[in-house]
């Protein structure tokens, strides 16, 4: 092995980066932007508030809970309200009027405590449950009729999923939306870039075909494969096929086996509309790239911010105000919300939240079709 030849090859790579100012800048700037955004999200996110509907509790306990909430440390504000009965408390959680419900049954040493949560975001609810449990312990004096008696065990009940649901059950809608968006964006962007570099797009522009027709045609062509990709991903998430042992190959399972409370077809529809938007976004952004490497450079600028701000890891409501405004224009935000509504809460096309999310996703897709056609006209001029 010749050290001189090795250094020559390395110098050629370094010179290539030196000439490609955009790649060099992104190499330095992108990690700083993404890391800074992550730090802003973590440090700037608010603890928010927790609204608790209490049912079946004596007035003394409600007063003790409110006093304990006022004295509780930390930046999380806990509001204590009351409900007429257990059914009303559960309905308050279901409708979103309350974050959780504390249902008290029995009295004295026979008292039972049940904490009811939404159940759609187990990771986010874990901290809320701990805060309310601490509140109950702080109000133990009003709970226990006999000094020194043992505090009743707090049972946990959920409206959606189950108390034993794992992270995969809660994150499956996120996987479907985010991964479909990511892979379709990369597939379309690189494929359309090859069409431009290979001269195919230029030859099309010399024909009577309009630029809008070109963009819509490419959208339909890439959209077919996007739908196929989304279909495969949806089936893999929902299916659970046991394959028996075949000779030396042990038995194994294909699919994650995640149950969907709502129609899988509606979840598929949401993912398809999101993927169509990713197709048009990929077409639009590929006009600003000259190489496949430059196309991949859009990932930290387009995909990562959406994974941080789109409600994937943190609820949008807990983000800093500025980032909440940014999150409201990101397609992944609406896709994740719609998929959670369908797969976890059992919503259908008649649900207002799903209708709004689908309308926004469709509007974003149309917007990038128009923008893509405009960009091609500007580039050729």
Protein backbone atom coordinates (compact mmCIF):
# COMPACT_ATOMS: atom_id res chain seq x y z
CA UNK A 1 0.00 0.00 0.00
CA UNK A 2 1.35 3.38 -1.02
CA UNK A 3 0.95 6.17 1.52
CA UNK A 4 1.34 8.74 -1.25
CA UNK A 5 -1.57 7.33 -3.25
CA UNK A 6 -3.73 7.11 -0.12
CA UNK A 7 -3.03 10.76 0.67
CA UNK A 8 -3.76 11.71 -2.94
CA UNK A 9 -7.21 10.12 -2.73
CA UNK A 10 -7.87 11.80 0.64
CA UNK A 11 -6.76 15.18 -0.76
CA UNK A 12 -9.14 14.77 -3.69
CA UNK A 13 -12.07 14.26 -1.30
CA UNK A 14 -11.04 17.30 0.75
CA UNK A 15 -10.77 19.45 -2.37
CA UNK A 16 -14.21 18.29 -3.47
CA UNK A 17 -15.71 19.48 -0.19
CA UNK A 18 -13.75 22.73 -0.41
CA UNK A 19 -15.33 23.45 -3.79
CA UNK A 20 -18.78 22.41 -2.59
CA UNK A 21 -19.42 25.29 -0.23
CA UNK A 22 -22.97 24.20 0.53
CA UNK A 23 -21.92 20.74 1.69
CA UNK A 24 -19.11 22.20 3.76
CA UNK A 25 -21.41 24.73 5.39
CA UNK A 26 -24.07 22.13 6.10
CA UNK A 27 -21.45 19.84 7.62
CA UNK A 28 -20.81 22.52 10.24
CA UNK A 29 -24.13 24.35 10.51
CA UNK A 30 -26.66 21.49 10.39
CA UNK A 31 -25.46 19.68 13.56
CA UNK A 32 -25.44 23.00 15.41
CA UNK A 33 -28.96 23.85 14.23
CA UNK A 34 -30.41 20.45 15.11
CA UNK A 35 -28.63 20.27 18.47
CA UNK A 36 -29.66 23.83 19.28
CA UNK A 37 -33.27 23.08 18.35
CA UNK A 38 -33.24 19.97 20.54
CA UNK A 39 -31.86 21.98 23.44
CA UNK A 40 -34.50 24.66 22.93
CA UNK A 41 -37.26 22.06 22.93
CA UNK A 42 -36.01 20.32 26.08
CA UNK A 43 -35.18 23.41 28.12
CA UNK A 44 -37.90 25.66 26.77
CA UNK A 45 -40.80 23.23 27.04
CA UNK A 46 -43.21 24.13 29.78
CA UNK A 47 -44.38 21.73 32.42
CA UNK A 48 -47.90 22.75 31.52
CA UNK A 49 -50.89 22.12 33.70
CA UNK A 50 -52.78 19.04 34.79
CA UNK A 51 -56.53 19.29 35.19
CA UNK A 52 -57.92 16.61 37.52
CA UNK A 53 -61.63 15.85 37.81
CA UNK A 54 -62.43 14.37 41.23
CA UNK A 55 -65.55 12.27 41.69
CA UNK A 56 -67.01 10.62 44.78
CA UNK A 57 -64.72 12.45 47.21
CA UNK A 58 -65.92 14.25 50.35
CA UNK A 59 -65.50 18.01 50.45
CA UNK A 60 -62.68 17.71 52.99
CA UNK A 61 -60.63 15.61 50.57
CA UNK A 62 -61.24 18.00 47.65
CA UNK A 63 -60.11 20.91 49.83
CA UNK A 64 -57.02 18.98 50.96
CA UNK A 65 -56.13 18.13 47.36
CA UNK A 66 -56.43 21.79 46.33
CA UNK A 67 -54.25 22.89 49.24
CA UNK A 68 -51.67 20.24 48.36
CA UNK A 69 -51.75 21.38 44.70
CA UNK A 70 -51.02 24.97 45.72
CA UNK A 71 -48.11 23.84 47.89
CA UNK A 72 -46.70 21.39 45.33
CA UNK A 73 -43.19 22.29 44.11
CA UNK A 74 -42.15 22.42 40.46
CA UNK A 75 -43.43 24.20 37.37
CA UNK A 76 -46.46 21.96 36.80
CA UNK A 77 -49.75 23.52 37.86
CA UNK A 78 -52.36 21.03 39.04
CA UNK A 79 -55.98 22.12 38.92
CA UNK A 80 -58.56 20.25 40.98
CA UNK A 81 -62.13 20.20 39.74
CA UNK A 82 -65.11 18.07 40.61
CA UNK A 83 -67.42 15.80 38.64
CA UNK A 84 -70.91 14.63 39.55
CA UNK A 85 -70.05 10.96 39.40
CA UNK A 86 -67.52 8.48 38.04
CA UNK A 87 -69.12 8.40 34.59
CA UNK A 88 -68.93 12.19 34.30
CA UNK A 89 -65.29 12.14 35.40
CA UNK A 90 -64.40 9.56 32.75
CA UNK A 91 -66.27 11.56 30.11
CA UNK A 92 -64.29 14.67 31.08
CA UNK A 93 -61.08 12.77 30.34
CA UNK A 94 -62.46 11.36 27.11
CA UNK A 95 -63.55 14.78 25.84
CA UNK A 96 -60.28 16.43 26.84
CA UNK A 97 -61.89 18.73 29.41
CA UNK A 98 -59.66 17.10 32.06
CA UNK A 99 -56.28 15.42 31.76
CA UNK A 100 -57.16 12.76 34.29
CA UNK A 101 -59.80 11.81 36.82
CA UNK A 102 -59.51 10.71 40.43
CA UNK A 103 -62.46 8.50 41.36
CA UNK A 104 -63.02 7.79 45.04
CA UNK A 105 -65.21 4.85 46.01
CA UNK A 106 -66.24 3.73 49.47
CA UNK A 107 -65.15 5.44 52.63
CA UNK A 108 -62.98 4.95 55.66
CA UNK A 109 -60.78 1.89 55.58
CA UNK A 110 -62.80 0.57 52.62
CA UNK A 111 -61.95 3.57 50.46
CA UNK A 112 -60.74 2.87 46.92
CA UNK A 113 -58.86 5.24 44.61
CA UNK A 114 -58.81 4.98 40.82
CA UNK A 115 -56.77 7.30 38.62
CA UNK A 116 -58.16 7.50 35.07
CA UNK A 117 -55.97 8.82 32.24
CA UNK A 118 -56.36 9.15 28.50
CA UNK A 119 -53.82 6.39 27.82
CA UNK A 120 -52.85 7.55 24.32
CA UNK A 121 -49.40 8.82 25.37
CA UNK A 122 -48.02 6.56 28.14
CA UNK A 123 -44.61 8.28 28.21
CA UNK A 124 -46.06 11.76 28.69
CA UNK A 125 -48.66 10.53 31.19
CA UNK A 126 -46.06 8.88 33.40
CA UNK A 127 -44.90 12.18 34.86
CA UNK A 128 -48.48 13.42 35.28
CA UNK A 129 -49.48 10.26 37.15
CA UNK A 130 -46.50 10.60 39.48
CA UNK A 131 -47.39 14.25 40.19
CA UNK A 132 -51.02 13.44 41.04
CA UNK A 133 -50.01 10.44 43.15
CA UNK A 134 -47.74 12.76 45.11
CA UNK A 135 -50.67 15.11 45.51
CA UNK A 136 -52.81 12.31 46.95
CA UNK A 137 -50.06 11.42 49.40
CA UNK A 138 -49.86 15.07 50.43
CA UNK A 139 -53.59 15.01 51.16
CA UNK A 140 -53.36 11.72 53.05
CA UNK A 141 -54.55 13.33 56.28
CA UNK A 142 -58.00 13.90 54.78
CA UNK A 143 -58.04 10.41 53.32
CA UNK A 144 -57.16 8.36 56.36
CA UNK A 145 -59.79 8.16 59.10
CA UNK A 146 -57.31 6.64 61.52
CA UNK A 147 -53.84 8.12 62.06
CA UNK A 148 -51.18 5.71 60.90
CA UNK A 149 -53.54 3.74 58.62
CA UNK A 150 -52.17 2.59 55.29
CA UNK A 151 -53.02 4.70 52.25
CA UNK A 152 -55.23 2.77 49.77
CA UNK A 153 -53.57 1.51 46.61
CA UNK A 154 -54.21 3.81 43.66
CA UNK A 155 -55.51 1.81 40.72
CA UNK A 156 -54.76 3.02 37.19
CA UNK A 157 -57.38 2.95 34.46
CA UNK A 158 -57.17 4.26 30.89
CA UNK A 159 -59.78 5.43 28.42
CA UNK A 160 -57.79 4.25 25.39
CA UNK A 161 -55.32 1.40 24.99
CA UNK A 162 -54.75 -0.27 28.36
CA UNK A 163 -52.69 0.46 31.48
CA UNK A 164 -50.33 -2.31 30.39
CA UNK A 165 -49.86 -0.97 26.84
CA UNK A 166 -46.22 -0.66 25.84
CA UNK A 167 -44.50 2.15 24.00
CA UNK A 168 -44.94 0.38 20.67
CA UNK A 169 -48.73 0.53 20.96
CA UNK A 170 -48.54 4.29 21.52
CA UNK A 171 -45.80 4.98 18.97
CA UNK A 172 -47.14 2.87 16.08
CA UNK A 173 -49.10 5.83 14.60
CA UNK A 174 -45.92 7.92 14.86
CA UNK A 175 -43.89 5.26 13.05
CA UNK A 176 -46.46 5.05 10.27
CA UNK A 177 -46.55 8.79 9.70
CA UNK A 178 -42.90 9.74 10.21
CA UNK A 179 -41.29 6.81 8.38
CA UNK A 180 -43.69 7.03 5.44
CA UNK A 181 -42.91 10.72 5.12
CA UNK A 182 -39.16 10.25 5.41
CA UNK A 183 -38.68 7.41 2.94
CA UNK A 184 -41.10 8.80 0.36
CA UNK A 185 -39.35 12.18 0.52
CA UNK A 186 -35.93 10.59 -0.09
CA UNK A 187 -37.24 8.30 -2.86
CA UNK A 188 -38.91 11.15 -4.73
CA UNK A 189 -36.17 13.73 -4.27
CA UNK A 190 -33.35 11.52 -5.52
CA UNK A 191 -35.42 10.04 -8.37
CA UNK A 192 -36.52 13.47 -9.61
CA UNK A 193 -32.93 14.72 -9.31
CA UNK A 194 -31.83 11.91 -11.60
CA UNK A 195 -34.51 12.92 -14.09
CA UNK A 196 -33.05 16.42 -14.16
CA UNK A 197 -29.39 15.39 -14.27
CA UNK A 198 -30.10 12.82 -16.99
CA UNK A 199 -31.74 15.44 -19.21
CA UNK A 200 -35.18 13.82 -19.18
CA UNK A 201 -36.83 16.83 -17.61
CA UNK A 202 -35.21 19.21 -20.11
CA UNK A 203 -36.49 17.13 -23.03
CA UNK A 204 -39.99 17.17 -21.55
CA UNK A 205 -39.86 20.94 -21.22
CA UNK A 206 -39.14 21.22 -24.95
CA UNK A 207 -42.45 19.51 -25.75
CA UNK A 208 -45.97 21.00 -25.55
CA UNK A 209 -46.37 19.51 -22.06
CA UNK A 210 -46.86 22.31 -19.53
CA UNK A 211 -44.80 22.59 -16.39
CA UNK A 212 -47.86 22.02 -14.22
CA UNK A 213 -48.62 18.83 -16.17
CA UNK A 214 -45.05 17.67 -15.66
CA UNK A 215 -45.20 18.18 -11.90
CA UNK A 216 -48.63 16.52 -11.60
CA UNK A 217 -47.49 13.64 -13.82
CA UNK A 218 -44.38 13.07 -11.77
CA UNK A 219 -46.47 13.32 -8.61
CA UNK A 220 -48.79 10.58 -9.88
CA UNK A 221 -45.90 8.40 -10.99
CA UNK A 222 -43.95 8.71 -7.75
CA UNK A 223 -47.22 8.70 -5.82
CA UNK A 224 -47.96 5.15 -6.99
CA UNK A 225 -44.77 3.87 -5.40
CA UNK A 226 -45.39 6.04 -2.35
CA UNK A 227 -48.79 4.37 -1.90
CA UNK A 228 -47.15 0.96 -2.30
CA UNK A 229 -44.56 1.83 0.33
CA UNK A 230 -47.20 3.12 2.74
CA UNK A 231 -49.29 -0.01 2.17
CA UNK A 232 -46.37 -2.28 3.02
CA UNK A 233 -45.51 -0.25 6.12
CA UNK A 234 -49.14 -0.21 7.29
CA UNK A 235 -49.51 -3.96 6.86
CA UNK A 236 -46.24 -4.60 8.69
CA UNK A 237 -47.32 -2.47 11.66
CA UNK A 238 -50.81 -4.01 11.92
CA UNK A 239 -50.14 -7.60 10.86
CA UNK A 240 -48.94 -10.44 13.04
CA UNK A 241 -48.27 -13.53 10.97
CA UNK A 242 -46.70 -16.53 12.67
CA UNK A 243 -44.40 -18.50 10.39
CA UNK A 244 -43.76 -22.07 11.57
CA UNK A 245 -40.31 -23.55 11.80
CA UNK A 246 -38.92 -24.73 8.46
CA UNK A 247 -36.08 -27.17 8.86
CA UNK A 248 -33.15 -25.40 10.52
CA UNK A 249 -35.00 -22.05 10.42
CA UNK A 250 -36.81 -21.46 13.72
CA UNK A 251 -40.36 -20.13 13.89
CA UNK A 252 -40.69 -16.38 13.64
CA UNK A 253 -43.30 -13.65 13.37
CA UNK A 254 -43.80 -11.13 10.57
CA UNK A 255 -45.27 -7.79 11.61
CA UNK A 256 -45.61 -5.85 14.84
CA UNK A 257 -49.19 -6.87 15.57
CA UNK A 258 -50.31 -3.43 16.75
CA UNK A 259 -54.08 -3.21 17.14
CA UNK A 260 -55.92 -0.24 15.63
CA UNK A 261 -58.98 1.00 17.49
CA UNK A 262 -60.23 2.68 14.32
CA UNK A 263 -60.44 1.58 10.70
CA UNK A 264 -57.03 0.62 9.25
CA UNK A 265 -58.26 1.97 5.92
CA UNK A 266 -58.64 5.46 7.38
CA UNK A 267 -55.16 5.24 8.90
CA UNK A 268 -53.88 4.17 5.50
CA UNK A 269 -55.68 7.12 3.87
CA UNK A 270 -54.03 9.59 6.26
CA UNK A 271 -50.60 8.11 5.59
CA UNK A 272 -51.19 8.22 1.82
CA UNK A 273 -52.20 11.91 1.88
CA UNK A 274 -49.09 12.65 3.94
CA UNK A 275 -46.95 10.66 1.49
CA UNK A 276 -48.38 12.58 -1.48
CA UNK A 277 -47.30 15.78 0.24
CA UNK A 278 -43.83 14.28 0.74
CA UNK A 279 -43.71 13.44 -2.99
CA UNK A 280 -44.42 17.03 -3.97
CA UNK A 281 -42.02 18.40 -1.37
CA UNK A 282 -39.30 16.10 -2.70
CA UNK A 283 -39.94 17.33 -6.26
CA UNK A 284 -39.79 20.94 -5.13
CA UNK A 285 -36.59 20.67 -3.06
CA UNK A 286 -34.77 18.51 -5.60
CA UNK A 287 -34.66 21.50 -7.95
CA UNK A 288 -32.21 23.11 -5.51
CA UNK A 289 -29.83 20.12 -5.50
CA UNK A 290 -27.16 19.23 -8.01
CA UNK A 291 -26.03 15.90 -6.55
CA UNK A 292 -27.59 13.12 -4.50
CA UNK A 293 -25.42 14.17 -1.56
CA UNK A 294 -26.95 17.64 -1.67
CA UNK A 295 -30.42 16.07 -1.72
CA UNK A 296 -29.59 14.07 1.40
CA UNK A 297 -28.50 17.29 3.06
CA UNK A 298 -32.14 18.34 3.27
CA UNK A 299 -32.79 15.58 5.83
CA UNK A 300 -31.50 17.53 8.86
CA UNK A 301 -33.30 20.63 7.61
CA UNK A 302 -36.65 19.05 6.71
CA UNK A 303 -37.10 15.70 8.47
CA UNK A 304 -35.37 16.12 11.84
CA UNK A 305 -37.16 19.37 12.81
CA UNK A 306 -40.50 17.71 12.08
CA UNK A 307 -39.59 14.72 14.24
CA UNK A 308 -38.74 17.11 17.10
CA UNK A 309 -41.66 19.51 16.72
CA UNK A 310 -44.43 17.39 15.20
CA UNK A 311 -45.72 15.82 18.41
CA UNK A 312 -43.62 12.71 17.95
CA UNK A 313 -41.74 12.80 21.25
CA UNK A 314 -43.36 15.73 23.07
CA UNK A 315 -46.91 17.09 22.94
CA UNK A 316 -47.04 20.21 20.78
CA UNK A 317 -48.83 22.07 23.57
CA UNK A 318 -45.75 21.86 25.81
CA UNK A 319 -43.35 23.39 23.30
CA UNK A 320 -42.23 27.01 23.63
CA UNK A 321 -44.74 29.39 22.05
CA UNK A 322 -42.54 30.16 19.05
CA UNK A 323 -41.98 26.47 18.31
CA UNK A 324 -45.68 25.74 18.71
CA UNK A 325 -46.36 28.20 15.90
CA UNK A 326 -43.77 26.44 13.74
CA UNK A 327 -45.23 23.03 14.57
CA UNK A 328 -48.66 24.17 13.35
CA UNK A 329 -47.39 24.47 9.77
CA UNK A 330 -45.61 21.10 9.65
CA UNK A 331 -47.41 18.23 7.88
CA UNK A 332 -46.11 15.59 10.29
CA UNK A 333 -47.90 17.38 13.15
CA UNK A 334 -51.29 16.86 11.50
CA UNK A 335 -50.50 13.33 10.32
CA UNK A 336 -49.43 12.17 13.79
CA UNK A 337 -52.52 13.76 15.34
CA UNK A 338 -54.87 12.13 12.81
CA UNK A 339 -53.20 8.72 13.09
CA UNK A 340 -53.41 8.80 16.88
CA UNK A 341 -57.06 9.80 16.68
CA UNK A 342 -57.81 6.86 14.40
CA UNK A 343 -55.52 4.09 15.67
CA UNK A 344 -55.69 4.84 19.40
CA UNK A 345 -59.00 6.64 19.94
CA UNK A 346 -61.03 4.92 17.23
CA UNK A 347 -62.01 8.10 15.36
CA UNK A 348 -63.52 7.94 11.88
CA UNK A 349 -63.97 10.31 8.96
CA UNK A 350 -66.87 11.95 10.76
CA UNK A 351 -64.57 13.16 13.53
CA UNK A 352 -63.82 16.86 13.23
CA UNK A 353 -60.16 16.48 14.23
CA UNK A 354 -59.55 13.89 11.49
CA UNK A 355 -61.35 16.04 8.91
CA UNK A 356 -59.22 19.06 9.82
CA UNK A 357 -55.97 17.07 9.70
CA UNK A 358 -56.79 15.55 6.32
CA UNK A 359 -57.80 18.95 4.89
CA UNK A 360 -54.51 20.51 6.03
CA UNK A 361 -52.45 17.62 4.64
CA UNK A 362 -54.26 17.84 1.30
CA UNK A 363 -53.75 21.62 1.23
CA UNK A 364 -50.01 21.19 1.88
CA UNK A 365 -49.75 18.66 -0.96
CA UNK A 366 -51.50 21.03 -3.39
CA UNK A 367 -49.33 23.93 -2.23
CA UNK A 368 -46.14 22.08 -3.12
CA UNK A 369 -47.55 21.06 -6.50
CA UNK A 370 -48.00 24.75 -7.32
CA UNK A 371 -44.62 25.64 -5.83
CA UNK A 372 -42.92 22.84 -7.77
CA UNK A 373 -44.36 24.06 -11.07
CA UNK A 374 -43.24 27.61 -10.30
CA UNK A 375 -39.72 26.46 -9.44
CA UNK A 376 -39.29 24.57 -12.70
CA UNK A 377 -40.41 27.64 -14.66
CA UNK A 378 -37.94 29.83 -12.79
CA UNK A 379 -35.06 27.37 -13.28
CA UNK A 380 -35.56 27.07 -17.05
CA UNK A 381 -36.05 30.75 -17.71
